[in-house]
Amino acid sequence: MPPLSWRHHTLIQAVLSRGPLKENDFHSIFSDVTGKTLDSHKRLFNEYLKEINRELAYVQFELRACRNQYDGFVYYGVINTVADEQSKLGTKYSVPQIAFYKGIIEAIVQDTTARGTISNIEALNIRLENQVGSSEIPPALKNFSMSHKEKAIHEFIQDQWLCATSDGNIGLGVRSFLDLRSWFHNNEVPKCDVCNEAGIKADLCPNENCTVRIHEYCLKAKFSLTRNEKVCPGCGTQWPYVVTKAEAVEEEEDDTEVHQQPPEPLRRKTSRGSRQVQEEGLNEPSSRRLKRSRNNEDQELAGQSQSQSSTQTFRKAKLEKLTAVEVDNGGPGPSTRRATRTSTRLHR
């Protein structure tokens, strides 16, 4: 198996040094180091990921993609695939901080309303004693004060294990979605009915007896088309989803592109004689129609030439008459001079 090139190393180093990257940023780095656009080299991109993960598997790491359930964007990050005691020694967090983080995660995923968040007050009131299996509580957990919890929450958000939502609550961070996929599955966190991923932040079926939940971005993909029936896939209850104006316009544009007829080819403007031939003599032989068209065009040109010649003859006669009259009167007047200048311009 050939070793990884510097291009592979650059992709790995970018994710490790910058943390989880948005899909567009990761694709941009791939295009920069390879000189290939993802649109036309999707297969090459997948080959790069496969080769990188083949090498990272030797050290129990994986380059993985996940979707952030709060903003709907896809992120790429490197995660540890083995959660043993030895791997826990590599963390910078203390034992009370890890227990506090677990308590926050459990409080969020156990929320039956699938809000995906808890308030700051709820997080601070989490009892760390519930995270200890034994009856004896370590002193470190007993001494973990409110100020310690506030500092830990700040660090978790900064390191993207948690996130601060727009309404001031606390939710899961991108790293949690990347690293806890197996944990969500093992703890039987309810899944989205569309993508089959854990439904941490999702919309619930209006029927209280139905357990179906769907992510907001999955709901948009499923119900955004106006012609699709908006009912729960589990119980058939009408789902209160309203198609936005932007989605309706986008759908209309897509339908227009599909059904739009190709434009007619541009036709050269034909003369009046040619149009007459086309209208009156479509059944005549082509040679006869061509001959008639040429005769009509010659007649039009001859008529135009004759009209111009008559106009010039009339102006010349008028000029001679004015000249004769003004000679008798003792010299050319202003009318003759203007007519002479006009005649000169015409003859040029």
Protein backbone atom coordinates (compact mmCIF):
# COMPACT_ATOMS: atom_id res chain seq x y z
CA MET A 1 0.00 0.00 0.00
CA PRO A 2 1.54 3.35 -1.06
CA PRO A 3 2.15 5.87 1.74
CA LEU A 4 0.04 8.98 2.04
CA SER A 5 1.22 11.98 0.06
CA TRP A 6 1.72 15.49 1.35
CA ARG A 7 -1.75 16.31 0.08
CA HIS A 8 -3.30 13.70 2.40
CA HIS A 9 -1.20 15.02 5.28
CA THR A 10 -2.37 18.57 4.61
CA LEU A 11 -6.03 17.55 4.84
CA ILE A 12 -5.43 15.68 8.11
CA GLN A 13 -3.41 18.51 9.62
CA ALA A 14 -6.05 21.09 8.65
CA VAL A 15 -8.77 19.19 10.52
CA LEU A 16 -6.58 18.46 13.55
CA SER A 17 -5.29 22.01 13.95
CA ARG A 18 -8.50 23.91 13.21
CA GLY A 19 -11.01 21.53 14.72
CA PRO A 20 -14.13 20.37 12.88
CA LEU A 21 -14.41 22.18 9.54
CA LYS A 22 -17.51 23.08 7.59
CA GLU A 23 -18.03 21.07 4.45
CA ASN A 24 -17.36 24.04 2.14
CA ASP A 25 -14.09 24.88 3.94
CA PHE A 26 -12.89 21.27 3.80
CA HIS A 27 -13.77 21.03 0.11
CA SER A 28 -11.91 24.29 -0.53
CA ILE A 29 -8.75 22.92 1.11
CA PHE A 30 -9.06 19.76 -1.00
CA SER A 31 -9.30 21.86 -4.18
CA ASP A 32 -6.30 23.97 -3.16
CA VAL A 33 -3.95 21.04 -2.46
CA THR A 34 -5.04 18.90 -5.44
CA GLY A 35 -5.89 21.53 -8.03
CA LYS A 36 -9.15 19.65 -8.71
CA THR A 37 -12.68 20.89 -8.18
CA LEU A 38 -15.00 18.65 -6.20
CA ASP A 39 -17.84 19.00 -8.72
CA SER A 40 -15.89 17.18 -11.43
CA HIS A 41 -13.70 14.98 -9.18
CA LYS A 42 -16.09 13.58 -6.57
CA ARG A 43 -14.64 10.11 -7.00
CA LEU A 44 -11.11 11.38 -6.34
CA PHE A 45 -12.32 13.09 -3.14
CA ASN A 46 -13.87 9.84 -1.89
CA GLU A 47 -10.65 8.00 -2.68
CA TYR A 48 -8.70 10.49 -0.59
CA LEU A 49 -11.01 9.96 2.38
CA LYS A 50 -10.76 6.19 2.03
CA GLU A 51 -6.95 6.26 1.92
CA ILE A 52 -6.73 8.61 4.91
CA ASN A 53 -9.06 6.47 7.04
CA ARG A 54 -7.17 3.33 6.05
CA GLU A 55 -4.02 4.79 7.63
CA LEU A 56 -5.78 6.41 10.61
CA ALA A 57 -7.39 3.08 11.51
CA TYR A 58 -4.00 1.83 12.75
CA VAL A 59 -4.15 4.34 15.59
CA GLN A 60 -7.93 4.04 16.20
CA PHE A 61 -8.81 7.37 14.56
CA GLU A 62 -11.26 8.21 11.81
CA LEU A 63 -11.94 11.20 9.59
CA ARG A 64 -15.71 11.49 9.74
CA ALA A 65 -18.49 13.78 8.53
CA CYS A 66 -21.63 14.67 10.47
CA ARG A 67 -24.47 17.17 10.29
CA ASN A 68 -24.91 19.75 13.02
CA GLN A 69 -28.55 19.46 14.02
CA TYR A 70 -28.74 23.11 15.08
CA ASP A 71 -27.63 24.82 11.85
CA GLY A 72 -28.01 21.95 9.35
CA PHE A 73 -24.43 22.23 8.02
CA VAL A 74 -22.13 19.25 7.43
CA TYR A 75 -18.79 19.21 9.27
CA TYR A 76 -15.63 17.08 8.94
CA GLY A 77 -13.52 16.09 11.94
CA VAL A 78 -11.14 13.44 13.30
CA ILE A 79 -12.48 11.32 16.17
CA ASN A 80 -11.21 8.55 18.42
CA THR A 81 -12.90 5.22 17.65
CA VAL A 82 -11.95 3.53 20.94
CA ALA A 83 -13.28 4.80 24.28
CA ASP A 84 -11.08 2.95 26.77
CA GLU A 85 -9.41 4.04 29.99
CA GLN A 86 -6.09 4.65 28.23
CA SER A 87 -7.63 7.06 25.73
CA LYS A 88 -9.26 9.01 28.55
CA LEU A 89 -5.80 9.91 29.86
CA GLY A 90 -5.26 12.09 26.78
CA THR A 91 -7.99 14.55 27.68
CA LYS A 92 -7.25 17.91 29.25
CA TYR A 93 -10.40 17.79 31.39
CA SER A 94 -10.50 16.73 35.00
CA VAL A 95 -12.65 13.91 36.37
CA PRO A 96 -15.34 16.29 37.73
CA GLN A 97 -15.46 18.13 34.39
CA ILE A 98 -15.96 14.87 32.47
CA ALA A 99 -18.72 13.82 34.86
CA PHE A 100 -20.34 17.25 34.48
CA TYR A 101 -20.22 16.97 30.69
CA LYS A 102 -21.88 13.54 30.80
CA GLY A 103 -24.61 14.94 33.00
CA ILE A 104 -25.32 17.74 30.50
CA ILE A 105 -25.43 15.29 27.58
CA GLU A 106 -27.86 12.99 29.35
CA ALA A 107 -30.13 15.88 30.32
CA ILE A 108 -30.30 17.05 26.70
CA VAL A 109 -30.93 13.67 25.03
CA GLN A 110 -33.50 12.60 27.63
CA ASP A 111 -35.70 15.61 26.94
CA THR A 112 -38.95 14.21 25.53
CA THR A 113 -39.74 17.46 23.68
CA ALA A 114 -36.61 17.09 21.48
CA ARG A 115 -35.65 20.74 21.97
CA GLY A 116 -31.99 19.72 21.97
CA THR A 117 -31.11 22.26 24.67
CA ILE A 118 -31.24 22.95 28.36
CA SER A 119 -31.06 26.28 30.16
CA ASN A 120 -27.94 27.48 31.89
CA ILE A 121 -29.67 27.16 35.27
CA GLU A 122 -30.62 23.55 34.55
CA ALA A 123 -27.01 22.76 33.64
CA LEU A 124 -25.62 24.33 36.81
CA ASN A 125 -28.06 22.33 38.95
CA ILE A 126 -26.95 18.96 37.56
CA ARG A 127 -25.83 16.70 40.43
CA LEU A 128 -22.51 15.01 39.70
CA GLU A 129 -23.27 12.28 42.24
CA ASN A 130 -25.61 10.71 39.70
CA GLN A 131 -22.64 10.08 37.37
CA VAL A 132 -20.88 7.86 39.91
CA GLY A 133 -21.82 4.20 39.96
CA SER A 134 -20.46 3.46 43.42
CA SER A 135 -22.00 4.60 46.67
CA GLU A 136 -18.83 6.44 47.68
CA ILE A 137 -18.61 9.89 46.08
CA PRO A 138 -15.07 11.09 45.27
CA PRO A 139 -14.07 14.28 47.09
CA ALA A 140 -13.32 15.97 43.77
CA LEU A 141 -16.99 15.77 42.81
CA LYS A 142 -18.14 17.09 46.18
CA ASN A 143 -15.87 20.11 45.89
CA PHE A 144 -16.96 20.95 42.32
CA SER A 145 -18.67 24.30 42.97
CA MET A 146 -20.95 26.48 40.82
CA SER A 147 -18.02 28.62 39.69
CA HIS A 148 -16.23 25.45 38.56
CA LYS A 149 -19.29 24.44 36.57
CA GLU A 150 -19.56 27.85 34.89
CA LYS A 151 -15.88 27.67 33.92
CA ALA A 152 -16.33 24.13 32.58
CA ILE A 153 -19.33 25.15 30.46
CA HIS A 154 -17.28 27.98 28.96
CA GLU A 155 -14.45 25.58 28.07
CA PHE A 156 -16.85 23.02 26.58
CA ILE A 157 -18.36 25.66 24.33
CA GLN A 158 -14.96 26.99 23.33
CA ASP A 159 -13.77 23.49 22.40
CA GLN A 160 -17.03 22.80 20.49
CA TRP A 161 -18.23 19.97 22.74
CA LEU A 162 -21.20 22.17 23.61
CA CYS A 163 -22.75 25.18 21.93
CA ALA A 164 -24.62 28.30 23.02
CA THR A 165 -27.87 28.66 21.11
CA SER A 166 -29.41 31.95 19.97
CA ASP A 167 -32.01 31.82 22.77
CA GLY A 168 -29.30 31.62 25.46
CA ASN A 169 -29.56 27.89 26.13
CA ILE A 170 -26.92 25.15 25.95
CA GLY A 171 -26.87 22.51 23.24
CA LEU A 172 -24.52 19.87 21.86
CA GLY A 173 -21.45 20.96 19.93
CA VAL A 174 -20.16 19.67 16.61
CA ARG A 175 -17.59 17.46 18.32
CA SER A 176 -20.32 15.75 20.31
CA PHE A 177 -22.21 14.89 17.13
CA LEU A 178 -18.98 13.54 15.61
CA ASP A 179 -17.77 11.58 18.62
CA LEU A 180 -20.97 10.33 20.25
CA ARG A 181 -22.69 8.59 17.33
CA SER A 182 -22.10 5.16 18.84
CA TRP A 183 -23.09 6.40 22.30
CA PHE A 184 -26.41 7.69 20.92
CA HIS A 185 -27.06 4.30 19.35
CA ASN A 186 -26.11 2.30 22.43
CA ASN A 187 -28.32 4.43 24.66
CA GLU A 188 -31.28 4.10 22.28
CA VAL A 189 -31.72 7.79 21.63
CA PRO A 190 -34.81 8.16 19.37
CA LYS A 191 -33.84 8.47 15.71
CA CYS A 192 -35.01 10.73 12.93
CA ASP A 193 -37.50 8.88 10.73
CA VAL A 194 -35.88 10.24 7.55
CA CYS A 195 -32.08 10.01 7.99
CA ASN A 196 -32.02 7.40 10.81
CA GLU A 197 -29.58 9.51 12.87
CA ALA A 198 -30.21 10.43 16.51
CA GLY A 199 -32.95 13.02 16.75
CA ILE A 200 -31.45 15.29 19.40
CA LYS A 201 -33.06 18.46 18.04
CA ALA A 202 -36.10 17.58 15.97
CA ASP A 203 -39.79 18.20 15.36
CA LEU A 204 -42.27 15.77 16.89
CA CYS A 205 -45.36 14.32 15.28
CA PRO A 206 -48.51 16.30 16.29
CA ASN A 207 -50.07 13.03 17.43
CA GLU A 208 -49.09 12.58 21.06
CA ASN A 209 -49.35 8.80 20.75
CA CYS A 210 -46.84 8.73 17.88
CA THR A 211 -43.08 8.62 18.53
CA VAL A 212 -41.93 9.87 15.10
CA ARG A 213 -39.47 12.76 15.16
CA ILE A 214 -37.79 14.43 12.15
CA HIS A 215 -34.89 16.89 11.98
CA GLU A 216 -35.82 20.33 10.69
CA TYR A 217 -33.57 20.01 7.62
CA CYS A 218 -34.94 16.51 6.90
CA LEU A 219 -38.46 17.89 7.28
CA LYS A 220 -37.68 20.59 4.73
CA ALA A 221 -36.29 18.08 2.27
CA LYS A 222 -39.33 15.84 2.69
CA PHE A 223 -42.15 18.39 2.70
CA SER A 224 -40.77 21.43 0.85
CA LEU A 225 -42.40 20.45 -2.46
CA THR A 226 -45.97 21.74 -2.52
CA ARG A 227 -47.21 18.64 -4.35
CA ASN A 228 -45.97 16.30 -1.60
CA GLU A 229 -48.54 15.19 0.97
CA LYS A 230 -47.60 16.58 4.40
CA VAL A 231 -48.49 13.75 6.75
CA CYS A 232 -46.60 11.84 9.41
CA PRO A 233 -44.85 8.81 7.87
CA GLY A 234 -45.70 6.79 11.00
CA CYS A 235 -49.37 7.41 11.77
CA GLY A 236 -50.57 9.48 8.81
CA THR A 237 -51.50 12.52 10.92
CA GLN A 238 -51.45 15.84 9.06
CA TRP A 239 -48.09 17.52 9.72
CA PRO A 240 -48.30 21.31 10.22
CA TYR A 241 -45.56 22.24 7.76
CA VAL A 242 -45.94 25.47 5.78
CA VAL A 243 -44.03 25.83 2.53
CA THR A 244 -42.19 29.15 2.54
CA LYS A 245 -42.37 31.57 -0.35
CA ALA A 246 -38.72 30.95 -1.24
CA GLU A 247 -39.30 27.18 -1.42
CA ALA A 248 -42.40 27.65 -3.61
CA VAL A 249 -40.49 29.94 -5.99
CA GLU A 250 -37.60 27.46 -6.14
CA GLU A 251 -39.99 24.62 -6.96
CA GLU A 252 -41.70 26.71 -9.65
CA GLU A 253 -38.33 27.53 -11.22
CA ASP A 254 -37.38 23.86 -11.25
CA ASP A 255 -40.66 22.94 -12.96
CA THR A 256 -40.18 25.74 -15.49
CA GLU A 257 -36.71 24.49 -16.37
CA VAL A 258 -38.03 20.98 -16.90
CA HIS A 259 -41.04 21.91 -19.03
CA GLN A 260 -39.65 24.92 -20.84
CA GLN A 261 -39.49 24.47 -24.61
CA PRO A 262 -36.22 25.25 -26.38
CA PRO A 263 -36.20 28.66 -28.08
CA GLU A 264 -36.99 28.80 -31.78
CA PRO A 265 -34.01 29.42 -34.06
CA LEU A 266 -33.59 33.00 -35.20
CA ARG A 267 -34.84 33.61 -38.73
CA ARG A 268 -33.38 36.17 -41.08
CA LYS A 269 -35.74 38.97 -41.96
CA THR A 270 -37.02 38.46 -45.47
CA SER A 271 -38.14 41.04 -47.95
CA ARG A 272 -41.75 41.73 -48.84
CA GLY A 273 -41.35 39.97 -52.15
CA SER A 274 -39.92 36.86 -50.48
CA ARG A 275 -42.81 36.77 -47.97
CA GLN A 276 -45.28 36.99 -50.82
CA VAL A 277 -43.62 34.05 -52.55
CA GLN A 278 -43.76 32.03 -49.31
CA GLU A 279 -47.45 32.78 -48.74
CA GLU A 280 -48.77 32.39 -52.29
CA GLY A 281 -46.50 29.85 -53.90
CA LEU A 282 -45.55 27.26 -51.31
CA ASN A 283 -46.56 24.48 -53.67
CA GLU A 284 -44.45 25.73 -56.60
CA PRO A 285 -41.08 24.18 -57.46
CA SER A 286 -38.17 25.69 -55.59
CA SER A 287 -36.48 27.00 -58.75
CA ARG A 288 -39.62 28.87 -59.82
CA ARG A 289 -40.13 30.34 -56.36
CA LEU A 290 -36.50 31.50 -56.28
CA LYS A 291 -36.84 33.13 -59.70
CA ARG A 292 -40.05 34.93 -58.71
CA SER A 293 -38.44 36.15 -55.47
CA ARG A 294 -35.48 37.59 -57.36
CA ASN A 295 -37.79 39.33 -59.87
CA ASN A 296 -39.80 40.91 -57.05
CA GLU A 297 -36.65 42.15 -55.34
CA ASP A 298 -35.32 43.60 -58.63
CA GLN A 299 -38.62 45.39 -59.17
CA GLU A 300 -38.47 46.90 -55.68
CA LEU A 301 -34.91 48.12 -56.21
CA ALA A 302 -35.81 49.55 -59.64
CA GLY A 303 -38.80 51.38 -58.16
CA GLN A 304 -36.66 52.90 -55.44
CA SER A 305 -34.03 54.04 -57.99
CA GLN A 306 -36.68 55.55 -60.26
CA SER A 307 -38.20 57.46 -57.33
CA GLN A 308 -34.84 58.91 -56.35
CA SER A 309 -34.14 59.94 -60.00
CA SER A 310 -37.51 61.72 -60.31
CA THR A 311 -36.85 63.68 -57.12
CA GLN A 312 -33.45 64.84 -58.35
CA THR A 313 -34.89 65.90 -61.80
CA PHE A 314 -37.63 67.94 -60.12
CA ARG A 315 -35.16 69.75 -57.85
CA LYS A 316 -32.84 70.48 -60.82
CA ALA A 317 -35.70 71.98 -62.88
CA LYS A 318 -36.77 74.13 -59.94
CA LEU A 319 -33.21 75.40 -59.51
CA GLU A 320 -32.93 76.34 -63.22
CA LYS A 321 -36.21 78.22 -63.07
CA LEU A 322 -35.15 80.22 -60.00
CA THR A 323 -31.82 81.04 -61.64
CA ALA A 324 -33.49 82.35 -64.80
CA VAL A 325 -35.86 84.56 -62.85
CA GLU A 326 -33.16 86.05 -60.61
CA VAL A 327 -30.79 86.72 -63.55
CA ASP A 328 -33.47 88.96 -65.00
CA ASN A 329 -33.73 90.70 -61.64
CA GLY A 330 -29.97 91.37 -61.36
CA GLY A 331 -28.35 88.39 -59.54
CA PRO A 332 -29.05 85.33 -57.44
CA GLY A 333 -31.13 85.71 -54.31
CA PRO A 334 -31.01 83.83 -51.03
CA SER A 335 -33.38 81.14 -52.29
CA THR A 336 -31.08 80.32 -55.18
CA ARG A 337 -28.04 80.15 -52.91
CA ARG A 338 -29.82 77.75 -50.50
CA ALA A 339 -31.04 75.62 -53.39
CA THR A 340 -27.55 75.54 -54.89
CA ARG A 341 -26.02 74.33 -51.62
CA THR A 342 -28.74 71.66 -51.33
CA SER A 343 -28.17 70.51 -54.91
CA THR A 344 -24.42 70.33 -54.30
CA ARG A 345 -24.90 68.12 -51.27
CA LEU A 346 -27.23 65.83 -53.21
CA HIS A 347 -24.74 65.38 -56.06
CA ARG A 348 -21.94 64.55 -53.68
